[in-house]
Amino acid sequence: MITHAEAEAKFKKCRDKERGYKLAADTRLQRRGHAFVVRLHETDVVIIRPDGTYRLNSGRWRTVTTKNRMNMVLPCCVSQRKGIWCIGDKFYTDGMLIDSDGIVIGKTICMKEALKIKTRVDSVCNKFTKFVTKRCLGLDIRGWEKYSKHALPRVSNKSSLTKLWNDITSATFYWREWLDDNGHNLFLIMYLATLARGYDNPKIFWELMRNDCLRCVDSPFIPDHIRALLRPRKLFITNMILAGELNE
């Protein structure tokens, strides 16, 4: 834990006031007006305010390092349950305020509710994986070059997550429209899913998957690729639903 007074004392020791006081690797304590911030890379993960409270912000980088840097400073512990960040029995959200005793200030969501949403998101994503695996059999998903202009969006990209979630939840009703050449269709999702596997040469695996689809063979690549795409994104989708940014 670092109090505002302790932060001020540490900051006075640093020679370069602009860079700030080094707390850990890639992490510095800097002054912001009357407050101090713990800056990890380009993100102010904790603001230590003069009134003794702490403002939190992961910058959507929900990493072990971000969590550790927060816990270096806070009078409480940011932990993780089933991939979801929490403080005690409260669901973690960026911007939340913590008092000097480690108590969350203001209205919050309890972890019990957050875990329910996470379970439902997992269930919908599992159904979607089965749906894609079944629907692609017998179809020509086309050559790699058809989709190669598309790059895999960052895991936490909100517009990408919104589009992906809308596709997932509407898949069983509008799958024929997905086969249209325009927009974000079923095959494009499969292309992005192949990129998500991180292969050195994803084109090879795309062609293997294409051949399996054409021959109506149950391809292990399809569910494996879709899961690789969804796995890191499910948590951000859950967070967006809890924040009211997506409909469940």
C-alpha atoms as a PDB file:
ATOM      1  CA  MET A   1       0.000   0.000   0.000  1.00  0.00           C
ATOM      2  CA  ILE A   2       1.184   3.520  -0.794  1.00  0.00           C
ATOM      3  CA  THR A   3      -0.586   6.500   0.763  1.00  0.00           C
ATOM      4  CA  HIS A   4      -0.647   9.965  -0.756  1.00  0.00           C
ATOM      5  CA  ALA A   5       1.940  11.153   1.798  1.00  0.00           C
ATOM      6  CA  GLU A   6       4.201   8.190   1.004  1.00  0.00           C
ATOM      7  CA  ALA A   7       3.819   8.833  -2.717  1.00  0.00           C
ATOM      8  CA  GLU A   8       4.849  12.447  -2.200  1.00  0.00           C
ATOM      9  CA  ALA A   9       7.914  11.370  -0.224  1.00  0.00           C
ATOM     10  CA  LYS A  10       8.963   8.908  -2.943  1.00  0.00           C
ATOM     11  CA  PHE A  11       8.411  11.443  -5.697  1.00  0.00           C
ATOM     12  CA  LYS A  12      10.690  13.972  -3.986  1.00  0.00           C
ATOM     13  CA  LYS A  13      13.538  11.459  -4.267  1.00  0.00           C
ATOM     14  CA  CYS A  14      13.475  11.198  -8.051  1.00  0.00           C
ATOM     15  CA  ARG A  15      15.886  13.341 -10.065  1.00  0.00           C
ATOM     16  CA  ASP A  16      13.803  13.482 -13.234  1.00  0.00           C
ATOM     17  CA  LYS A  17      10.413  14.820 -12.159  1.00  0.00           C
ATOM     18  CA  GLU A  18       8.984  14.400 -15.642  1.00  0.00           C
ATOM     19  CA  ARG A  19       9.740  10.669 -15.769  1.00  0.00           C
ATOM     20  CA  GLY A  20       8.872  10.171 -12.124  1.00  0.00           C
ATOM     21  CA  TYR A  21       9.932   7.683  -9.453  1.00  0.00           C
ATOM     22  CA  LYS A  22      10.528   4.103 -10.596  1.00  0.00           C
ATOM     23  CA  LEU A  23       8.358   1.648  -8.652  1.00  0.00           C
ATOM     24  CA  ALA A  24       8.953  -1.469 -10.767  1.00  0.00           C
ATOM     25  CA  ALA A  25       9.739  -2.519 -14.334  1.00  0.00           C
ATOM     26  CA  ASP A  26       7.949  -0.202 -16.795  1.00  0.00           C
ATOM     27  CA  THR A  27       6.141   1.411 -13.860  1.00  0.00           C
ATOM     28  CA  ARG A  28       6.646   4.928 -12.507  1.00  0.00           C
ATOM     29  CA  LEU A  29       5.071   7.175  -9.928  1.00  0.00           C
ATOM     30  CA  GLN A  30       4.249  10.565 -11.445  1.00  0.00           C
ATOM     31  CA  ARG A  31       2.581  13.751 -10.268  1.00  0.00           C
ATOM     32  CA  ARG A  32      -0.751  14.920 -11.715  1.00  0.00           C
ATOM     33  CA  GLY A  33      -1.632  18.229 -10.093  1.00  0.00           C
ATOM     34  CA  HIS A  34      -2.158  17.462  -6.393  1.00  0.00           C
ATOM     35  CA  ALA A  35      -2.537  13.730  -7.073  1.00  0.00           C
ATOM     36  CA  PHE A  36      -0.039  11.008  -7.977  1.00  0.00           C
ATOM     37  CA  VAL A  37      -0.433   8.291 -10.577  1.00  0.00           C
ATOM     38  CA  VAL A  38       1.069   4.854 -10.953  1.00  0.00           C
ATOM     39  CA  ARG A  39       1.826   4.668 -14.668  1.00  0.00           C
ATOM     40  CA  LEU A  40       2.412   1.288 -16.328  1.00  0.00           C
ATOM     41  CA  HIS A  41       3.709   1.806 -19.854  1.00  0.00           C
ATOM     42  CA  GLU A  42       1.201   4.383 -21.220  1.00  0.00           C
ATOM     43  CA  THR A  43      -1.639   3.743 -18.754  1.00  0.00           C
ATOM     44  CA  ASP A  44      -2.323   5.431 -15.404  1.00  0.00           C
ATOM     45  CA  VAL A  45      -3.482   2.293 -13.592  1.00  0.00           C
ATOM     46  CA  VAL A  46      -3.961   3.978 -10.182  1.00  0.00           C
ATOM     47  CA  ILE A  47      -4.556   7.606  -9.240  1.00  0.00           C
ATOM     48  CA  ILE A  48      -3.621   8.327  -5.604  1.00  0.00           C
ATOM     49  CA  ARG A  49      -5.786  11.278  -4.640  1.00  0.00           C
ATOM     50  CA  PRO A  50      -5.104  13.844  -1.889  1.00  0.00           C
ATOM     51  CA  ASP A  51      -8.256  12.790  -0.012  1.00  0.00           C
ATOM     52  CA  GLY A  52      -6.803   9.291   0.485  1.00  0.00           C
ATOM     53  CA  THR A  53      -8.883   7.555  -2.170  1.00  0.00           C
ATOM     54  CA  TYR A  54      -7.665   5.579  -5.173  1.00  0.00           C
ATOM     55  CA  ARG A  55      -9.080   5.636  -8.719  1.00  0.00           C
ATOM     56  CA  LEU A  56      -8.444   2.516 -10.822  1.00  0.00           C
ATOM     57  CA  ASN A  57      -8.039   2.041 -14.559  1.00  0.00           C
ATOM     58  CA  SER A  58      -6.715  -1.017 -16.397  1.00  0.00           C
ATOM     59  CA  GLY A  59      -6.883   0.696 -19.790  1.00  0.00           C
ATOM     60  CA  ARG A  60      -8.547  -2.600 -20.861  1.00  0.00           C
ATOM     61  CA  TRP A  61      -5.216  -4.364 -20.316  1.00  0.00           C
ATOM     62  CA  ARG A  62      -6.456  -7.063 -17.918  1.00  0.00           C
ATOM     63  CA  THR A  63      -3.039  -8.623 -17.455  1.00  0.00           C
ATOM     64  CA  VAL A  64      -1.247 -10.136 -14.480  1.00  0.00           C
ATOM     65  CA  THR A  65       1.221  -7.233 -14.552  1.00  0.00           C
ATOM     66  CA  THR A  66      -1.540  -4.606 -14.433  1.00  0.00           C
ATOM     67  CA  LYS A  67      -3.160  -6.374 -11.503  1.00  0.00           C
ATOM     68  CA  ASN A  68       0.166  -6.695  -9.670  1.00  0.00           C
ATOM     69  CA  ARG A  69       0.941  -2.992 -10.088  1.00  0.00           C
ATOM     70  CA  MET A  70      -2.452  -2.071  -8.673  1.00  0.00           C
ATOM     71  CA  ASN A  71      -1.917  -4.357  -5.705  1.00  0.00           C
ATOM     72  CA  MET A  72       1.454  -2.710  -4.986  1.00  0.00           C
ATOM     73  CA  VAL A  73      -0.396   0.508  -4.179  1.00  0.00           C
ATOM     74  CA  LEU A  74      -3.908  -0.308  -2.993  1.00  0.00           C
ATOM     75  CA  PRO A  75      -5.115  -0.975   0.576  1.00  0.00           C
ATOM     76  CA  CYS A  76      -7.089  -3.914  -0.881  1.00  0.00           C
ATOM     77  CA  CYS A  77      -6.469  -6.713  -3.361  1.00  0.00           C
ATOM     78  CA  VAL A  78      -7.582  -6.959  -6.977  1.00  0.00           C
ATOM     79  CA  SER A  79      -8.029 -10.694  -7.549  1.00  0.00           C
ATOM     80  CA  GLN A  80      -9.484 -12.930 -10.238  1.00  0.00           C
ATOM     81  CA  ARG A  81     -12.237 -15.556 -10.251  1.00  0.00           C
ATOM     82  CA  LYS A  82     -12.948 -17.565 -13.404  1.00  0.00           C
ATOM     83  CA  GLY A  83     -11.157 -14.929 -15.427  1.00  0.00           C
ATOM     84  CA  ILE A  84     -13.156 -12.031 -13.930  1.00  0.00           C
ATOM     85  CA  TRP A  85     -11.434  -9.344 -11.875  1.00  0.00           C
ATOM     86  CA  CYS A  86     -12.914  -8.497  -8.504  1.00  0.00           C
ATOM     87  CA  ILE A  87     -12.232  -6.686  -5.241  1.00  0.00           C
ATOM     88  CA  GLY A  88     -13.635  -8.825  -2.460  1.00  0.00           C
ATOM     89  CA  ASP A  89     -17.162  -9.758  -3.547  1.00  0.00           C
ATOM     90  CA  LYS A  90     -17.420  -6.762  -5.912  1.00  0.00           C
ATOM     91  CA  PHE A  91     -17.006  -6.926  -9.683  1.00  0.00           C
ATOM     92  CA  TYR A  92     -14.069  -4.802 -10.854  1.00  0.00           C
ATOM     93  CA  THR A  93     -14.789  -1.956 -13.276  1.00  0.00           C
ATOM     94  CA  ASP A  94     -12.435   0.685 -14.654  1.00  0.00           C
ATOM     95  CA  GLY A  95     -12.955   4.008 -12.930  1.00  0.00           C
ATOM     96  CA  MET A  96     -14.004   2.503  -9.605  1.00  0.00           C
ATOM     97  CA  LEU A  97     -13.014   4.384  -6.460  1.00  0.00           C
ATOM     98  CA  ILE A  98     -11.447   2.801  -3.362  1.00  0.00           C
ATOM     99  CA  ASP A  99     -11.259   4.472   0.045  1.00  0.00           C
ATOM    100  CA  SER A 100      -8.256   4.390   2.383  1.00  0.00           C
ATOM    101  CA  ASP A 101      -9.633   1.281   4.127  1.00  0.00           C
ATOM    102  CA  GLY A 102      -9.876  -0.666   0.872  1.00  0.00           C
ATOM    103  CA  ILE A 103     -13.669  -0.346   0.586  1.00  0.00           C
ATOM    104  CA  VAL A 104     -15.262   0.206  -2.813  1.00  0.00           C
ATOM    105  CA  ILE A 105     -17.099   3.540  -2.989  1.00  0.00           C
ATOM    106  CA  GLY A 106     -20.359   3.832  -4.901  1.00  0.00           C
ATOM    107  CA  LYS A 107     -22.735   1.420  -6.605  1.00  0.00           C
ATOM    108  CA  THR A 108     -21.135  -1.819  -7.769  1.00  0.00           C
ATOM    109  CA  ILE A 109     -22.089  -5.210  -9.221  1.00  0.00           C
ATOM    110  CA  CYS A 110     -21.676  -8.239  -6.983  1.00  0.00           C
ATOM    111  CA  MET A 111     -19.496 -11.091  -8.232  1.00  0.00           C
ATOM    112  CA  LYS A 112     -22.390 -13.539  -8.008  1.00  0.00           C
ATOM    113  CA  GLU A 113     -24.241 -11.633 -10.739  1.00  0.00           C
ATOM    114  CA  ALA A 114     -21.071 -11.188 -12.796  1.00  0.00           C
ATOM    115  CA  LEU A 115     -20.375 -14.929 -12.733  1.00  0.00           C
ATOM    116  CA  LYS A 116     -23.941 -15.652 -13.868  1.00  0.00           C
ATOM    117  CA  ILE A 117     -23.441 -13.432 -16.914  1.00  0.00           C
ATOM    118  CA  LYS A 118     -20.069 -15.045 -17.615  1.00  0.00           C
ATOM    119  CA  THR A 119     -21.665 -18.512 -17.500  1.00  0.00           C
ATOM    120  CA  ARG A 120     -24.356 -17.434 -19.966  1.00  0.00           C
ATOM    121  CA  VAL A 121     -21.783 -15.914 -22.320  1.00  0.00           C
ATOM    122  CA  ASP A 122     -19.798 -19.176 -22.195  1.00  0.00           C
ATOM    123  CA  SER A 123     -22.949 -21.150 -22.996  1.00  0.00           C
ATOM    124  CA  VAL A 124     -23.903 -18.962 -25.982  1.00  0.00           C
ATOM    125  CA  CYS A 125     -20.354 -19.118 -27.350  1.00  0.00           C
ATOM    126  CA  ASN A 126     -20.306 -22.916 -27.039  1.00  0.00           C
ATOM    127  CA  LYS A 127     -23.586 -23.142 -28.985  1.00  0.00           C
ATOM    128  CA  PHE A 128     -22.148 -20.821 -31.633  1.00  0.00           C
ATOM    129  CA  THR A 129     -19.063 -23.016 -32.028  1.00  0.00           C
ATOM    130  CA  LYS A 130     -21.261 -26.060 -32.613  1.00  0.00           C
ATOM    131  CA  PHE A 131     -23.426 -24.064 -35.017  1.00  0.00           C
ATOM    132  CA  VAL A 132     -20.464 -22.961 -37.155  1.00  0.00           C
ATOM    133  CA  THR A 133     -18.989 -26.466 -37.178  1.00  0.00           C
ATOM    134  CA  LYS A 134     -22.274 -27.903 -38.434  1.00  0.00           C
ATOM    135  CA  ARG A 135     -23.251 -25.190 -40.941  1.00  0.00           C
ATOM    136  CA  CYS A 136     -19.946 -25.114 -42.817  1.00  0.00           C
ATOM    137  CA  LEU A 137     -20.020 -28.764 -43.844  1.00  0.00           C
ATOM    138  CA  GLY A 138     -20.658 -29.034 -47.569  1.00  0.00           C
ATOM    139  CA  LEU A 139     -19.997 -25.314 -48.171  1.00  0.00           C
ATOM    140  CA  ASP A 140     -17.128 -23.669 -50.033  1.00  0.00           C
ATOM    141  CA  ILE A 141     -15.561 -21.192 -47.617  1.00  0.00           C
ATOM    142  CA  ARG A 142     -13.428 -19.904 -50.527  1.00  0.00           C
ATOM    143  CA  GLY A 143      -9.741 -19.232 -50.862  1.00  0.00           C
ATOM    144  CA  TRP A 144      -7.539 -17.392 -48.385  1.00  0.00           C
ATOM    145  CA  GLU A 145      -7.093 -14.395 -50.681  1.00  0.00           C
ATOM    146  CA  LYS A 146     -10.817 -13.642 -50.480  1.00  0.00           C
ATOM    147  CA  TYR A 147     -10.413 -12.430 -46.883  1.00  0.00           C
ATOM    148  CA  SER A 148      -6.689 -11.626 -46.613  1.00  0.00           C
ATOM    149  CA  LYS A 149      -7.276  -7.844 -46.508  1.00  0.00           C
ATOM    150  CA  HIS A 150      -8.829  -8.266 -43.033  1.00  0.00           C
ATOM    151  CA  ALA A 151      -6.625  -8.134 -39.930  1.00  0.00           C
ATOM    152  CA  LEU A 152      -7.497  -9.642 -36.568  1.00  0.00           C
ATOM    153  CA  PRO A 153      -8.770  -6.785 -34.345  1.00  0.00           C
ATOM    154  CA  ARG A 154      -7.342  -6.264 -30.894  1.00  0.00           C
ATOM    155  CA  VAL A 155      -8.995  -8.544 -28.328  1.00  0.00           C
ATOM    156  CA  SER A 156     -10.554  -5.619 -26.441  1.00  0.00           C
ATOM    157  CA  ASN A 157     -11.693  -3.611 -29.492  1.00  0.00           C
ATOM    158  CA  LYS A 158     -15.237  -2.560 -28.565  1.00  0.00           C
ATOM    159  CA  SER A 159     -16.633  -2.173 -32.088  1.00  0.00           C
ATOM    160  CA  SER A 160     -15.225  -5.569 -33.060  1.00  0.00           C
ATOM    161  CA  LEU A 161     -16.641  -7.198 -29.921  1.00  0.00           C
ATOM    162  CA  THR A 162     -20.047  -5.617 -30.507  1.00  0.00           C
ATOM    163  CA  LYS A 163     -20.184  -6.927 -34.070  1.00  0.00           C
ATOM    164  CA  LEU A 164     -18.930 -10.363 -33.029  1.00  0.00           C
ATOM    165  CA  TRP A 165     -21.469 -10.678 -30.200  1.00  0.00           C
ATOM    166  CA  ASN A 166     -24.322  -9.569 -32.457  1.00  0.00           C
ATOM    167  CA  ASP A 167     -23.256 -12.190 -34.995  1.00  0.00           C
ATOM    168  CA  ILE A 168     -23.043 -14.879 -32.334  1.00  0.00           C
ATOM    169  CA  THR A 169     -26.457 -14.175 -30.852  1.00  0.00           C
ATOM    170  CA  SER A 170     -28.216 -13.903 -34.232  1.00  0.00           C
ATOM    171  CA  ALA A 171     -26.379 -16.756 -35.956  1.00  0.00           C
ATOM    172  CA  THR A 172     -29.050 -19.451 -35.729  1.00  0.00           C
ATOM    173  CA  PHE A 173     -31.683 -17.101 -37.201  1.00  0.00           C
ATOM    174  CA  TYR A 174     -29.831 -15.312 -39.985  1.00  0.00           C
ATOM    175  CA  TRP A 175     -27.093 -17.660 -41.095  1.00  0.00           C
ATOM    176  CA  ARG A 176     -28.049 -17.507 -44.803  1.00  0.00           C
ATOM    177  CA  GLU A 177     -27.512 -13.730 -44.868  1.00  0.00           C
ATOM    178  CA  TRP A 178     -24.027 -14.332 -43.494  1.00  0.00           C
ATOM    179  CA  LEU A 179     -23.091 -16.065 -46.711  1.00  0.00           C
ATOM    180  CA  ASP A 180     -23.543 -12.818 -48.600  1.00  0.00           C
ATOM    181  CA  ASP A 181     -20.236 -11.474 -49.907  1.00  0.00           C
ATOM    182  CA  ASN A 182     -20.817  -8.110 -48.218  1.00  0.00           C
ATOM    183  CA  GLY A 183     -19.912  -7.305 -44.630  1.00  0.00           C
ATOM    184  CA  HIS A 184     -18.975  -9.441 -41.694  1.00  0.00           C
ATOM    185  CA  ASN A 185     -20.152 -12.922 -42.705  1.00  0.00           C
ATOM    186  CA  LEU A 186     -19.721 -16.424 -41.371  1.00  0.00           C
ATOM    187  CA  PHE A 187     -16.660 -17.213 -43.464  1.00  0.00           C
ATOM    188  CA  LEU A 188     -14.949 -13.994 -42.421  1.00  0.00           C
ATOM    189  CA  ILE A 189     -15.418 -15.007 -38.791  1.00  0.00           C
ATOM    190  CA  MET A 190     -13.782 -18.334 -39.631  1.00  0.00           C
ATOM    191  CA  TYR A 191     -10.912 -16.477 -41.316  1.00  0.00           C
ATOM    192  CA  LEU A 192     -10.348 -14.310 -38.227  1.00  0.00           C
ATOM    193  CA  ALA A 193     -10.590 -17.438 -36.082  1.00  0.00           C
ATOM    194  CA  THR A 194      -7.774 -18.992 -38.135  1.00  0.00           C
ATOM    195  CA  LEU A 195      -5.642 -15.892 -37.553  1.00  0.00           C
ATOM    196  CA  ALA A 196      -6.390 -16.181 -33.831  1.00  0.00           C
ATOM    197  CA  ARG A 197      -4.565 -19.502 -33.678  1.00  0.00           C
ATOM    198  CA  GLY A 198      -1.306 -17.661 -34.290  1.00  0.00           C
ATOM    199  CA  TYR A 199       0.023 -20.020 -36.974  1.00  0.00           C
ATOM    200  CA  ASP A 200       3.201 -19.021 -38.812  1.00  0.00           C
ATOM    201  CA  ASN A 201       1.440 -19.920 -42.063  1.00  0.00           C
ATOM    202  CA  PRO A 202      -2.331 -19.814 -41.408  1.00  0.00           C
ATOM    203  CA  LYS A 203      -3.117 -20.180 -45.117  1.00  0.00           C
ATOM    204  CA  ILE A 204      -2.131 -23.867 -44.981  1.00  0.00           C
ATOM    205  CA  PHE A 205      -4.644 -24.599 -42.217  1.00  0.00           C
ATOM    206  CA  TRP A 206      -7.323 -22.591 -44.007  1.00  0.00           C
ATOM    207  CA  GLU A 207      -6.963 -24.792 -47.093  1.00  0.00           C
ATOM    208  CA  LEU A 208      -7.113 -27.947 -44.963  1.00  0.00           C
ATOM    209  CA  MET A 209     -10.286 -26.646 -43.349  1.00  0.00           C
ATOM    210  CA  ARG A 210     -11.729 -25.699 -46.736  1.00  0.00           C
ATOM    211  CA  ASN A 211     -11.122 -29.200 -48.081  1.00  0.00           C
ATOM    212  CA  ASP A 212     -12.794 -30.760 -45.042  1.00  0.00           C
ATOM    213  CA  CYS A 213     -15.833 -28.504 -45.500  1.00  0.00           C
ATOM    214  CA  LEU A 214     -16.157 -29.372 -49.174  1.00  0.00           C
ATOM    215  CA  ARG A 215     -15.926 -33.103 -48.447  1.00  0.00           C
ATOM    216  CA  CYS A 216     -18.415 -32.829 -45.551  1.00  0.00           C
ATOM    217  CA  VAL A 217     -15.767 -34.157 -43.175  1.00  0.00           C
ATOM    218  CA  ASP A 218     -15.969 -33.200 -39.497  1.00  0.00           C
ATOM    219  CA  SER A 219     -12.943 -30.939 -39.328  1.00  0.00           C
ATOM    220  CA  PRO A 220     -11.164 -30.509 -35.972  1.00  0.00           C
ATOM    221  CA  PHE A 221      -9.850 -27.181 -37.234  1.00  0.00           C
ATOM    222  CA  ILE A 222     -13.233 -25.427 -37.260  1.00  0.00           C
ATOM    223  CA  PRO A 223     -14.133 -25.764 -33.540  1.00  0.00           C
ATOM    224  CA  ASP A 224     -10.497 -25.311 -32.494  1.00  0.00           C
ATOM    225  CA  HIS A 225     -10.199 -22.075 -34.476  1.00  0.00           C
ATOM    226  CA  ILE A 226     -13.528 -20.673 -33.292  1.00  0.00           C
ATOM    227  CA  ARG A 227     -12.652 -21.416 -29.648  1.00  0.00           C
ATOM    228  CA  ALA A 228      -9.281 -19.692 -30.102  1.00  0.00           C
ATOM    229  CA  LEU A 229     -11.084 -16.600 -31.372  1.00  0.00           C
ATOM    230  CA  LEU A 230     -13.716 -16.552 -28.628  1.00  0.00           C
ATOM    231  CA  ARG A 231     -11.679 -17.615 -25.607  1.00  0.00           C
ATOM    232  CA  PRO A 232      -9.901 -14.300 -24.874  1.00  0.00           C
ATOM    233  CA  ARG A 233     -12.884 -12.222 -26.054  1.00  0.00           C
ATOM    234  CA  LYS A 234     -15.553 -13.768 -23.835  1.00  0.00           C
ATOM    235  CA  LEU A 235     -14.304 -11.911 -20.777  1.00  0.00           C
ATOM    236  CA  PHE A 236     -14.456  -8.532 -22.519  1.00  0.00           C
ATOM    237  CA  ILE A 237     -17.933  -9.344 -23.847  1.00  0.00           C
ATOM    238  CA  THR A 238     -18.999 -10.191 -20.277  1.00  0.00           C
ATOM    239  CA  ASN A 239     -17.568  -6.897 -19.028  1.00  0.00           C
ATOM    240  CA  MET A 240     -19.394  -4.953 -21.745  1.00  0.00           C
ATOM    241  CA  ILE A 241     -22.707  -6.623 -20.878  1.00  0.00           C
ATOM    242  CA  LEU A 242     -22.219  -5.828 -17.205  1.00  0.00           C
ATOM    243  CA  ALA A 243     -21.381  -2.225 -18.109  1.00  0.00           C
ATOM    244  CA  GLY A 244     -24.579  -1.959 -20.167  1.00  0.00           C
ATOM    245  CA  GLU A 245     -22.645  -1.605 -23.443  1.00  0.00           C
ATOM    246  CA  LEU A 246     -24.050  -4.838 -24.917  1.00  0.00           C
ATOM    247  CA  ASN A 247     -27.403  -6.587 -24.687  1.00  0.00           C
ATOM    248  CA  GLU A 248     -27.264 -10.005 -23.110  1.00  0.00           C
END
